[in-house]
Amino acid sequence: MRGSRALLSAVGVLGTGTAWAADVDLTELKASSPVPYYSTPSWSVVGSVTPNFTDNALFSRDNRRSDFFYEPDVSVRLDGNLTNDLSYRLYARAQYDAFSREKDGNAAVARMGARLTENWDGWRFSAIYEHRYDFDGIYRDLAFTSDDVMGSVARDFRVNNVTLSPLLLLTYRFSDLAEARRWRFDALLGIEVKLDPKWSIVSTPLFEAFWFTDGLNRGRQDQIYSADIGLKYSFASNVSLTTTVLYEARESNVMVRRYRDLRIGPRLDFAF
């Protein structure tokens, strides 16, 4: 049974949220380079494990609470090519946040999706469809279901030991919960500075804007500004550890939705 408080909390109407405030899929971005041409499709398991400290577990303007949370994120993917320049991906993904003390911040997402990417003169143009289930608690109560339709453009620029990866993303979310329906625009820049074959300095400054279209959130407009810096160590081409400090700020025309958040922690990334 869906509770109205859990539903509204899940989309921030009551001023709570989860650690996915900036909802752009950074894991997908970091694995979004063109796949090699395969004569047959290729399976992989990709994920990360992140223990983090946050000084604002519930994304609150007035009731800040510090806590540690644990965030596993695992995807199963099928990658392949339709032509030399057109690749596809089918995926299923599970992700959750588990807080040490602030259990109201616990949340989970399960999603299935498909992506087509056209590589043209170094640019990547993607069309993405994703069906997702958002849960209150760790896969406890289903809060709402959504269908996200996305379009993005990205490219990598390499100068000596520096790689710059800008990405623009536009999304509309259809949902069975009116308050979750919205447009979203993301602009971000992935930065990696290689210090040697194992060590890198990494950063992903981000701007994200939301325009909510229905329900109690109709007319709400939010903007998220995020800046981070991290030190990455690559154990192998498919396993790395990154320790990051991230600062995030949300502005909104709904005063209760404004907040500041600082997060610090390591992230283990893997792909098999």
Foldseek 3Di string as FASTA:
>chain_A
DADPVLLCQDLCVVLFYAPCPVVPDVQCVVVVPDDAADPAKDKKKWWKKWWKWKQAGGLWAPDTHIWIKIKIKMKIKIKHAPDRFKIKIWMWMKMWICTDPPQQRTKIKIKTKMKIWGQDPQKIKMWMWMKMWIGRHRPDHTNWIKIKTKIKMWGWDDDPQKIKIWMWMWIFIDIPDLQNTKIKIKIKIWIWGDPDPFKIKIKIWMKMKIARPGDPCHRKIKIKTKIKIWMKGDPDPFKIKIWMWMKMWMDIPPVRNTGIMIMTIMMIIGMD
